[in-house]
Amino acid sequence: MRNHVQVGNVDLEVLHCPGHTPGHVVFFDKEDRLALVGDVLFAGSIGRTDFPRGNHADLINAIKTKLWPLGDDVQFVPGHGPMSTFGKERETNPYVGD
C-alpha cells in the first residue's frame, strides 16, 4: 500500500525514510519527478544521525532502497543547500554512491 497526500492539484507519495529521525518522511511528486527529502540527503552528503533515535544504517538503507528506485532523473530538494538529482548522488556522493 502506498501513502499519498493531496496538496491542491498535486498528488504526493509519502515515503517513510527513517534514519535522520525515526519518523522522517519524503514527499515524491511522480508527475514532476521531484522529491522533497528534507534532511535525509544533500548534494554530496547525507543527514545527521546523531540525534536521539537517529540511526546511520537505517538512513543509508532508506536512501538506497526507497529513493534510488524512484529513478536517476529525479531532482530533489534537500532541507539545506542546492538541489541535485538521485543519479548525480549515486555517482558522486561518498556516503551513498554506487
PDB file of N, CA and C in Angstrom:
ATOM      1  N   MET A   1       0.834  -1.183   0.000  1.00  0.00           N
ATOM      2  CA  MET A   1       0.000   0.000   0.000  1.00  0.00           C
ATOM      3  C   MET A   1       0.880   1.249   0.000  1.00  0.00           C
ATOM      4  N   ARG A   2       0.560   2.184  -0.833  1.00  0.00           N
ATOM      5  CA  ARG A   2       1.309   3.437  -0.900  1.00  0.00           C
ATOM      6  C   ARG A   2       0.489   4.547  -0.269  1.00  0.00           C
ATOM      7  N   ASN A   3       1.164   5.367   0.504  1.00  0.00           N
ATOM      8  CA  ASN A   3       0.503   6.506   1.132  1.00  0.00           C
ATOM      9  C   ASN A   3       0.684   7.740   0.263  1.00  0.00           C
ATOM     10  N   HIS A   4      -0.381   8.539   0.192  1.00  0.00           N
ATOM     11  CA  HIS A   4      -0.361   9.761  -0.616  1.00  0.00           C
ATOM     12  C   HIS A   4      -1.021  10.895   0.163  1.00  0.00           C
ATOM     13  N   VAL A   5      -0.620  12.116  -0.175  1.00  0.00           N
ATOM     14  CA  VAL A   5      -1.315  13.311   0.288  1.00  0.00           C
ATOM     15  C   VAL A   5      -1.593  14.165  -0.936  1.00  0.00           C
ATOM     16  N   GLN A   6      -2.670  14.897  -0.882  1.00  0.00           N
ATOM     17  CA  GLN A   6      -3.043  15.801  -1.968  1.00  0.00           C
ATOM     18  C   GLN A   6      -2.817  17.231  -1.478  1.00  0.00           C
ATOM     19  N   VAL A   7      -2.074  18.012  -2.255  1.00  0.00           N
ATOM     20  CA  VAL A   7      -1.845  19.425  -1.962  1.00  0.00           C
ATOM     21  C   VAL A   7      -2.298  20.196  -3.192  1.00  0.00           C
ATOM     22  N   GLY A   8      -3.467  20.793  -3.112  1.00  0.00           N
ATOM     23  CA  GLY A   8      -4.046  21.427  -4.290  1.00  0.00           C
ATOM     24  C   GLY A   8      -4.282  20.372  -5.348  1.00  0.00           C
ATOM     25  N   ASN A   9      -3.715  20.572  -6.527  1.00  0.00           N
ATOM     26  CA  ASN A   9      -3.843  19.602  -7.611  1.00  0.00           C
ATOM     27  C   ASN A   9      -2.675  18.617  -7.667  1.00  0.00           C
ATOM     28  N   VAL A  10      -1.784  18.682  -6.695  1.00  0.00           N
ATOM     29  CA  VAL A  10      -0.582  17.855  -6.709  1.00  0.00           C
ATOM     30  C   VAL A  10      -0.764  16.646  -5.791  1.00  0.00           C
ATOM     31  N   ASP A  11      -0.494  15.471  -6.340  1.00  0.00           N
ATOM     32  CA  ASP A  11      -0.530  14.233  -5.567  1.00  0.00           C
ATOM     33  C   ASP A  11       0.904  13.874  -5.183  1.00  0.00           C
ATOM     34  N   LEU A  12       1.163  13.769  -3.889  1.00  0.00           N
ATOM     35  CA  LEU A  12       2.498  13.441  -3.400  1.00  0.00           C
ATOM     36  C   LEU A  12       2.485  12.077  -2.741  1.00  0.00           C
ATOM     37  N   GLU A  13       3.393  11.218  -3.171  1.00  0.00           N
ATOM     38  CA  GLU A  13       3.583   9.941  -2.499  1.00  0.00           C
ATOM     39  C   GLU A  13       4.388  10.198  -1.232  1.00  0.00           C
ATOM     40  N   VAL A  14       4.030   9.550  -0.148  1.00  0.00           N
ATOM     41  CA  VAL A  14       4.719   9.705   1.130  1.00  0.00           C
ATOM     42  C   VAL A  14       5.548   8.450   1.384  1.00  0.00           C
ATOM     43  N   LEU A  15       6.865   8.639   1.489  1.00  0.00           N
ATOM     44  CA  LEU A  15       7.789   7.528   1.712  1.00  0.00           C
ATOM     45  C   LEU A  15       8.410   7.648   3.096  1.00  0.00           C
ATOM     46  N   HIS A  16       8.261   6.621   3.913  1.00  0.00           N
ATOM     47  CA  HIS A  16       8.892   6.615   5.234  1.00  0.00           C
ATOM     48  C   HIS A  16      10.381   6.344   5.046  1.00  0.00           C
ATOM     49  N   CYS A  17      11.220   7.296   5.462  1.00  0.00           N
ATOM     50  CA  CYS A  17      12.672   7.194   5.298  1.00  0.00           C
ATOM     51  C   CYS A  17      13.348   7.480   6.635  1.00  0.00           C
ATOM     52  N   PRO A  18      13.349   6.510   7.541  1.00  0.00           N
ATOM     53  CA  PRO A  18      13.944   6.717   8.861  1.00  0.00           C
ATOM     54  C   PRO A  18      15.463   6.791   8.795  1.00  0.00           C
ATOM     55  N   GLY A  19      16.032   7.258   9.868  1.00  0.00           N
ATOM     56  CA  GLY A  19      17.486   7.339   9.994  1.00  0.00           C
ATOM     57  C   GLY A  19      17.905   8.669  10.568  1.00  0.00           C
ATOM     58  N   HIS A  20      17.581   9.741   9.873  1.00  0.00           N
ATOM     59  CA  HIS A  20      17.841  11.082  10.424  1.00  0.00           C
ATOM     60  C   HIS A  20      17.015  11.228  11.706  1.00  0.00           C
ATOM     61  N   THR A  21      15.761  10.880  11.599  1.00  0.00           N
ATOM     62  CA  THR A  21      14.860  10.723  12.742  1.00  0.00           C
ATOM     63  C   THR A  21      14.005   9.493  12.445  1.00  0.00           C
ATOM     64  N   PRO A  22      13.426   8.863  13.462  1.00  0.00           N
ATOM     65  CA  PRO A  22      12.673   7.626  13.214  1.00  0.00           C
ATOM     66  C   PRO A  22      11.440   7.803  12.332  1.00  0.00           C
ATOM     67  N   GLY A  23      10.803   8.950  12.364  1.00  0.00           N
ATOM     68  CA  GLY A  23       9.561   9.126  11.614  1.00  0.00           C
ATOM     69  C   GLY A  23       9.680   9.977  10.371  1.00  0.00           C
ATOM     70  N   HIS A  24      10.889  10.211   9.904  1.00  0.00           N
ATOM     71  CA  HIS A  24      11.087  11.107   8.761  1.00  0.00           C
ATOM     72  C   HIS A  24      10.377  10.577   7.520  1.00  0.00           C
ATOM     73  N   VAL A  25       9.766  11.487   6.772  1.00  0.00           N
ATOM     74  CA  VAL A  25       9.130  11.126   5.510  1.00  0.00           C
ATOM     75  C   VAL A  25       9.659  12.002   4.384  1.00  0.00           C
ATOM     76  N   VAL A  26       9.580  11.456   3.186  1.00  0.00           N
ATOM     77  CA  VAL A  26       9.939  12.145   1.954  1.00  0.00           C
ATOM     78  C   VAL A  26       8.665  12.234   1.122  1.00  0.00           C
ATOM     79  N   PHE A  27       8.464  13.369   0.472  1.00  0.00           N
ATOM     80  CA  PHE A  27       7.318  13.560  -0.410  1.00  0.00           C
ATOM     81  C   PHE A  27       7.804  13.507  -1.848  1.00  0.00           C
ATOM     82  N   PHE A  28       7.137  12.686  -2.668  1.00  0.00           N
ATOM     83  CA  PHE A  28       7.565  12.488  -4.055  1.00  0.00           C
ATOM     84  C   PHE A  28       6.434  12.820  -5.014  1.00  0.00           C
ATOM     85  N   ASP A  29       6.722  13.742  -5.927  1.00  0.00           N
ATOM     86  CA  ASP A  29       5.791  14.115  -6.994  1.00  0.00           C
ATOM     87  C   ASP A  29       6.211  13.347  -8.250  1.00  0.00           C
ATOM     88  N   LYS A  30       5.530  12.241  -8.510  1.00  0.00           N
ATOM     89  CA  LYS A  30       5.888  11.358  -9.624  1.00  0.00           C
ATOM     90  C   LYS A  30       5.772  12.068 -10.963  1.00  0.00           C
ATOM     91  N   GLU A  31       4.729  12.886 -11.127  1.00  0.00           N
ATOM     92  CA  GLU A  31       4.499  13.572 -12.397  1.00  0.00           C
ATOM     93  C   GLU A  31       5.627  14.533 -12.733  1.00  0.00           C
ATOM     94  N   ASP A  32       6.070  15.307 -11.754  1.00  0.00           N
ATOM     95  CA  ASP A  32       7.137  16.290 -11.986  1.00  0.00           C
ATOM     96  C   ASP A  32       8.537  15.742 -11.714  1.00  0.00           C
ATOM     97  N   ARG A  33       8.625  14.472 -11.263  1.00  0.00           N
ATOM     98  CA  ARG A  33       9.908  13.829 -10.982  1.00  0.00           C
ATOM     99  C   ARG A  33      10.710  14.643  -9.967  1.00  0.00           C
ATOM    100  N   LEU A  34      10.053  15.003  -8.865  1.00  0.00           N
ATOM    101  CA  LEU A  34      10.649  15.843  -7.834  1.00  0.00           C
ATOM    102  C   LEU A  34      10.381  15.246  -6.464  1.00  0.00           C
ATOM    103  N   ALA A  35      11.426  15.163  -5.646  1.00  0.00           N
ATOM    104  CA  ALA A  35      11.305  14.661  -4.282  1.00  0.00           C
ATOM    105  C   ALA A  35      11.692  15.754  -3.296  1.00  0.00           C
ATOM    106  N   LEU A  36      10.905  15.892  -2.258  1.00  0.00           N
ATOM    107  CA  LEU A  36      11.207  16.807  -1.158  1.00  0.00           C
ATOM    108  C   LEU A  36      11.740  15.935  -0.038  1.00  0.00           C
ATOM    109  N   VAL A  37      13.076  15.927   0.140  1.00  0.00           N
ATOM    110  CA  VAL A  37      13.716  14.946   1.017  1.00  0.00           C
ATOM    111  C   VAL A  37      14.073  15.459   2.399  1.00  0.00           C
ATOM    112  N   GLY A  38      13.999  16.770   2.618  1.00  0.00           N
ATOM    113  CA  GLY A  38      14.382  17.290   3.935  1.00  0.00           C
ATOM    114  C   GLY A  38      15.834  16.985   4.232  1.00  0.00           C
ATOM    115  N   ASP A  39      16.114  16.522   5.444  1.00  0.00           N
ATOM    116  CA  ASP A  39      17.497  16.281   5.866  1.00  0.00           C
ATOM    117  C   ASP A  39      17.935  14.831   5.711  1.00  0.00           C
ATOM    118  N   VAL A  40      17.309  14.087   4.802  1.00  0.00           N
ATOM    119  CA  VAL A  40      17.741  12.717   4.520  1.00  0.00           C
ATOM    120  C   VAL A  40      18.979  12.728   3.634  1.00  0.00           C
ATOM    121  N   LEU A  41      18.955  13.557   2.596  1.00  0.00           N
ATOM    122  CA  LEU A  41      20.005  13.552   1.577  1.00  0.00           C
ATOM    123  C   LEU A  41      20.322  14.979   1.170  1.00  0.00           C
ATOM    124  N   PHE A  42      21.603  15.224   0.927  1.00  0.00           N
ATOM    125  CA  PHE A  42      22.068  16.529   0.454  1.00  0.00           C
ATOM    126  C   PHE A  42      22.954  16.321  -0.767  1.00  0.00           C
ATOM    127  N   ALA A  43      23.194  17.368  -1.515  1.00  0.00           N
ATOM    128  CA  ALA A  43      24.164  17.300  -2.599  1.00  0.00           C
ATOM    129  C   ALA A  43      25.529  17.036  -1.969  1.00  0.00           C
ATOM    130  N   GLY A  44      26.041  15.837  -2.149  1.00  0.00           N
ATOM    131  CA  GLY A  44      27.358  15.476  -1.629  1.00  0.00           C
ATOM    132  C   GLY A  44      27.389  14.990  -0.201  1.00  0.00           C
ATOM    133  N   SER A  45      26.258  14.830   0.439  1.00  0.00           N
ATOM    134  CA  SER A  45      26.260  14.414   1.841  1.00  0.00           C
ATOM    135  C   SER A  45      24.934  13.735   2.192  1.00  0.00           C
ATOM    136  N   ILE A  46      24.797  13.400   3.466  1.00  0.00           N
ATOM    137  CA  ILE A  46      23.563  12.813   3.993  1.00  0.00           C
ATOM    138  C   ILE A  46      23.219  13.518   5.301  1.00  0.00           C
ATOM    139  N   GLY A  47      22.041  13.244   5.814  1.00  0.00           N
ATOM    140  CA  GLY A  47      21.605  13.858   7.060  1.00  0.00           C
ATOM    141  C   GLY A  47      22.336  13.318   8.275  1.00  0.00           C
ATOM    142  N   ARG A  48      22.295  14.102   9.321  1.00  0.00           N
ATOM    143  CA  ARG A  48      22.886  13.696  10.608  1.00  0.00           C
ATOM    144  C   ARG A  48      22.093  12.537  11.195  1.00  0.00           C
ATOM    145  N   THR A  49      22.778  11.704  11.939  1.00  0.00           N
ATOM    146  CA  THR A  49      22.111  10.595  12.628  1.00  0.00           C
ATOM    147  C   THR A  49      22.482  10.555  14.109  1.00  0.00           C
ATOM    148  N   ASP A  50      23.056  11.643  14.602  1.00  0.00           N
ATOM    149  CA  ASP A  50      23.487  11.664  15.999  1.00  0.00           C
ATOM    150  C   ASP A  50      22.408  12.204  16.939  1.00  0.00           C
ATOM    151  N   PHE A  51      21.208  12.386  16.432  1.00  0.00           N
ATOM    152  CA  PHE A  51      20.094  12.790  17.282  1.00  0.00           C
ATOM    153  C   PHE A  51      19.588  11.576  18.052  1.00  0.00           C
ATOM    154  N   PRO A  52      18.857  11.792  19.151  1.00  0.00           N
ATOM    155  CA  PRO A  52      18.256  10.645  19.840  1.00  0.00           C
ATOM    156  C   PRO A  52      17.408   9.824  18.868  1.00  0.00           C
ATOM    157  N   ARG A  53      17.640   8.531  18.840  1.00  0.00           N
ATOM    158  CA  ARG A  53      16.940   7.557  17.997  1.00  0.00           C
ATOM    159  C   ARG A  53      17.268   7.688  16.509  1.00  0.00           C
ATOM    160  N   GLY A  54      18.240   8.531  16.159  1.00  0.00           N
ATOM    161  CA  GLY A  54      18.742   8.525  14.787  1.00  0.00           C
ATOM    162  C   GLY A  54      19.517   7.239  14.569  1.00  0.00           C
ATOM    163  N   ASN A  55      19.630   6.800  13.301  1.00  0.00           N
ATOM    164  CA  ASN A  55      20.297   5.533  13.032  1.00  0.00           C
ATOM    165  C   ASN A  55      20.940   5.593  11.646  1.00  0.00           C
ATOM    166  N   HIS A  56      22.264   5.543  11.633  1.00  0.00           N
ATOM    167  CA  HIS A  56      23.021   5.667  10.383  1.00  0.00           C
ATOM    168  C   HIS A  56      22.668   4.554   9.397  1.00  0.00           C
ATOM    169  N   ALA A  57      22.625   3.319   9.847  1.00  0.00           N
ATOM    170  CA  ALA A  57      22.326   2.197   8.944  1.00  0.00           C
ATOM    171  C   ALA A  57      20.920   2.336   8.350  1.00  0.00           C
ATOM    172  N   ASP A  58      19.954   2.769   9.159  1.00  0.00           N
ATOM    173  CA  ASP A  58      18.591   2.969   8.649  1.00  0.00           C
ATOM    174  C   ASP A  58      18.549   4.065   7.588  1.00  0.00           C
ATOM    175  N   LEU A  59      19.320   5.122   7.794  1.00  0.00           N
ATOM    176  CA  LEU A  59      19.348   6.228   6.828  1.00  0.00           C
ATOM    177  C   LEU A  59      19.906   5.761   5.486  1.00  0.00           C
ATOM    178  N   ILE A  60      21.032   5.065   5.530  1.00  0.00           N
ATOM    179  CA  ILE A  60      21.642   4.562   4.291  1.00  0.00           C
ATOM    180  C   ILE A  60      20.682   3.611   3.590  1.00  0.00           C
ATOM    181  N   ASN A  61      20.062   2.720   4.347  1.00  0.00           N
ATOM    182  CA  ASN A  61      19.114   1.767   3.774  1.00  0.00           C
ATOM    183  C   ASN A  61      17.922   2.488   3.133  1.00  0.00           C
ATOM    184  N   ALA A  62      17.378   3.491   3.798  1.00  0.00           N
ATOM    185  CA  ALA A  62      16.234   4.230   3.252  1.00  0.00           C
ATOM    186  C   ALA A  62      16.598   4.913   1.937  1.00  0.00           C
ATOM    187  N   ILE A  63      17.769   5.515   1.883  1.00  0.00           N
ATOM    188  CA  ILE A  63      18.190   6.190   0.654  1.00  0.00           C
ATOM    189  C   ILE A  63      18.331   5.185  -0.487  1.00  0.00           C
ATOM    190  N   LYS A  64      18.999   4.088  -0.217  1.00  0.00           N
ATOM    191  CA  LYS A  64      19.280   3.118  -1.277  1.00  0.00           C
ATOM    192  C   LYS A  64      18.067   2.301  -1.697  1.00  0.00           C
ATOM    193  N   THR A  65      17.150   2.021  -0.769  1.00  0.00           N
ATOM    194  CA  THR A  65      16.019   1.149  -1.113  1.00  0.00           C
ATOM    195  C   THR A  65      14.724   1.899  -1.411  1.00  0.00           C
ATOM    196  N   LYS A  66      14.622   3.151  -0.959  1.00  0.00           N
ATOM    197  CA  LYS A  66      13.378   3.894  -1.185  1.00  0.00           C
ATOM    198  C   LYS A  66      13.546   5.051  -2.160  1.00  0.00           C
ATOM    199  N   LEU A  67      14.715   5.699  -2.152  1.00  0.00           N
ATOM    200  CA  LEU A  67      14.905   6.844  -3.047  1.00  0.00           C
ATOM    201  C   LEU A  67      15.507   6.439  -4.381  1.00  0.00           C
ATOM    202  N   TRP A  68      16.577   5.660  -4.379  1.00  0.00           N
ATOM    203  CA  TRP A  68      17.230   5.301  -5.641  1.00  0.00           C
ATOM    204  C   TRP A  68      16.280   4.625  -6.620  1.00  0.00           C
ATOM    205  N   PRO A  69      15.376   3.734  -6.175  1.00  0.00           N
ATOM    206  CA  PRO A  69      14.467   3.111  -7.150  1.00  0.00           C
ATOM    207  C   PRO A  69      13.507   4.085  -7.852  1.00  0.00           C
ATOM    208  N   LEU A  70      13.364   5.290  -7.340  1.00  0.00           N
ATOM    209  CA  LEU A  70      12.485   6.271  -7.984  1.00  0.00           C
ATOM    210  C   LEU A  70      13.049   6.733  -9.321  1.00  0.00           C
ATOM    211  N   GLY A  71      14.361   6.613  -9.513  1.00  0.00           N
ATOM    212  CA  GLY A  71      14.975   6.943 -10.798  1.00  0.00           C
ATOM    213  C   GLY A  71      16.073   7.981 -10.696  1.00  0.00           C
ATOM    214  N   ASP A  72      17.103   7.798 -11.513  1.00  0.00           N
ATOM    215  CA  ASP A  72      18.243   8.716 -11.524  1.00  0.00           C
ATOM    216  C   ASP A  72      17.865  10.122 -11.974  1.00  0.00           C
ATOM    217  N   ASP A  73      16.781  10.248 -12.738  1.00  0.00           N
ATOM    218  CA  ASP A  73      16.371  11.549 -13.263  1.00  0.00           C
ATOM    219  C   ASP A  73      15.643  12.407 -12.227  1.00  0.00           C
ATOM    220  N   VAL A  74      15.300  11.841 -11.089  1.00  0.00           N
ATOM    221  CA  VAL A  74      14.530  12.584 -10.090  1.00  0.00           C
ATOM    222  C   VAL A  74      15.385  13.675  -9.461  1.00  0.00           C
ATOM    223  N   GLN A  75      14.887  14.900  -9.520  1.00  0.00           N
ATOM    224  CA  GLN A  75      15.523  16.011  -8.814  1.00  0.00           C
ATOM    225  C   GLN A  75      15.018  15.991  -7.378  1.00  0.00           C
ATOM    226  N   PHE A  76      15.855  16.472  -6.455  1.00  0.00           N
ATOM    227  CA  PHE A  76      15.392  16.541  -5.074  1.00  0.00           C
ATOM    228  C   PHE A  76      15.737  17.877  -4.437  1.00  0.00           C
ATOM    229  N   VAL A  77      14.856  18.259  -3.521  1.00  0.00           N
ATOM    230  CA  VAL A  77      15.028  19.474  -2.740  1.00  0.00           C
ATOM    231  C   VAL A  77      15.412  19.045  -1.330  1.00  0.00           C
ATOM    232  N   PRO A  78      16.641  19.335  -0.912  1.00  0.00           N
ATOM    233  CA  PRO A  78      17.052  18.971   0.444  1.00  0.00           C
ATOM    234  C   PRO A  78      16.601  20.022   1.460  1.00  0.00           C
ATOM    235  N   GLY A  79      16.781  19.697   2.714  1.00  0.00           N
ATOM    236  CA  GLY A  79      16.445  20.639   3.775  1.00  0.00           C
ATOM    237  C   GLY A  79      17.366  21.852   3.798  1.00  0.00           C
ATOM    238  N   HIS A  80      18.564  21.722   3.252  1.00  0.00           N
ATOM    239  CA  HIS A  80      19.560  22.799   3.196  1.00  0.00           C
ATOM    240  C   HIS A  80      20.361  22.636   1.920  1.00  0.00           C
ATOM    241  N   GLY A  81      20.807  23.722   1.358  1.00  0.00           N
ATOM    242  CA  GLY A  81      21.726  23.661   0.229  1.00  0.00           C
ATOM    243  C   GLY A  81      21.049  23.465  -1.109  1.00  0.00           C
ATOM    244  N   PRO A  82      21.891  23.235  -2.144  1.00  0.00           N
ATOM    245  CA  PRO A  82      21.381  23.174  -3.516  1.00  0.00           C
ATOM    246  C   PRO A  82      20.643  21.875  -3.825  1.00  0.00           C
ATOM    247  N   MET A  83      19.809  21.948  -4.843  1.00  0.00           N
ATOM    248  CA  MET A  83      19.148  20.760  -5.373  1.00  0.00           C
ATOM    249  C   MET A  83      20.175  19.899  -6.099  1.00  0.00           C
ATOM    250  N   SER A  84      19.790  18.645  -6.296  1.00  0.00           N
ATOM    251  CA  SER A  84      20.607  17.716  -7.068  1.00  0.00           C
ATOM    252  C   SER A  84      19.668  16.684  -7.664  1.00  0.00           C
ATOM    253  N   THR A  85      20.236  15.647  -8.253  1.00  0.00           N
ATOM    254  CA  THR A  85      19.435  14.526  -8.746  1.00  0.00           C
ATOM    255  C   THR A  85      19.919  13.250  -8.055  1.00  0.00           C
ATOM    256  N   PHE A  86      19.037  12.270  -8.016  1.00  0.00           N
ATOM    257  CA  PHE A  86      19.435  10.992  -7.421  1.00  0.00           C
ATOM    258  C   PHE A  86      20.567  10.373  -8.232  1.00  0.00           C
ATOM    259  N   GLY A  87      20.531  10.525  -9.542  1.00  0.00           N
ATOM    260  CA  GLY A  87      21.593   9.976 -10.385  1.00  0.00           C
ATOM    261  C   GLY A  87      22.953  10.572 -10.081  1.00  0.00           C
ATOM    262  N   LYS A  88      23.001  11.880  -9.921  1.00  0.00           N
ATOM    263  CA  LYS A  88      24.279  12.533  -9.610  1.00  0.00           C
ATOM    264  C   LYS A  88      24.796  12.060  -8.261  1.00  0.00           C
ATOM    265  N   GLU A  89      23.901  11.932  -7.284  1.00  0.00           N
ATOM    266  CA  GLU A  89      24.337  11.491  -5.956  1.00  0.00           C
ATOM    267  C   GLU A  89      24.790  10.036  -5.983  1.00  0.00           C
ATOM    268  N   ARG A  90      24.151   9.214  -6.777  1.00  0.00           N
ATOM    269  CA  ARG A  90      24.590   7.820  -6.901  1.00  0.00           C
ATOM    270  C   ARG A  90      25.990   7.756  -7.482  1.00  0.00           C
ATOM    271  N   GLU A  91      26.338   8.697  -8.343  1.00  0.00           N
ATOM    272  CA  GLU A  91      27.657   8.723  -8.977  1.00  0.00           C
ATOM    273  C   GLU A  91      28.729   9.344  -8.092  1.00  0.00           C
ATOM    274  N   THR A  92      28.361  10.361  -7.282  1.00  0.00           N
ATOM    275  CA  THR A  92      29.388  11.183  -6.639  1.00  0.00           C
ATOM    276  C   THR A  92      29.331  11.262  -5.123  1.00  0.00           C
ATOM    277  N   ASN A  93      28.210  10.898  -4.503  1.00  0.00           N
ATOM    278  CA  ASN A  93      28.070  11.083  -3.065  1.00  0.00           C
ATOM    279  C   ASN A  93      28.897  10.034  -2.330  1.00  0.00           C
ATOM    280  N   PRO A  94      29.881  10.459  -1.504  1.00  0.00           N
ATOM    281  CA  PRO A  94      30.770   9.485  -0.843  1.00  0.00           C
ATOM    282  C   PRO A  94      30.066   8.621   0.201  1.00  0.00           C
ATOM    283  N   TYR A  95      28.881   9.004   0.639  1.00  0.00           N
ATOM    284  CA  TYR A  95      28.167   8.242   1.670  1.00  0.00           C
ATOM    285  C   TYR A  95      27.223   7.198   1.099  1.00  0.00           C
ATOM    286  N   VAL A  96      26.640   7.477  -0.066  1.00  0.00           N
ATOM    287  CA  VAL A  96      25.641   6.564  -0.622  1.00  0.00           C
ATOM    288  C   VAL A  96      25.823   6.302  -2.109  1.00  0.00           C
ATOM    289  N   GLY A  97      26.964   6.663  -2.655  1.00  0.00           N
ATOM    290  CA  GLY A  97      27.214   6.432  -4.072  1.00  0.00           C
ATOM    291  C   GLY A  97      27.364   4.944  -4.374  1.00  0.00           C
ATOM    292  N   ASP A  98      27.091   4.592  -5.604  1.00  0.00           N
ATOM    293  CA  ASP A  98      27.222   3.184  -6.034  1.00  0.00           C
ATOM    294  C   ASP A  98      28.669   2.771  -6.130  1.00  0.00           C
TER     295      ASP A  98
END
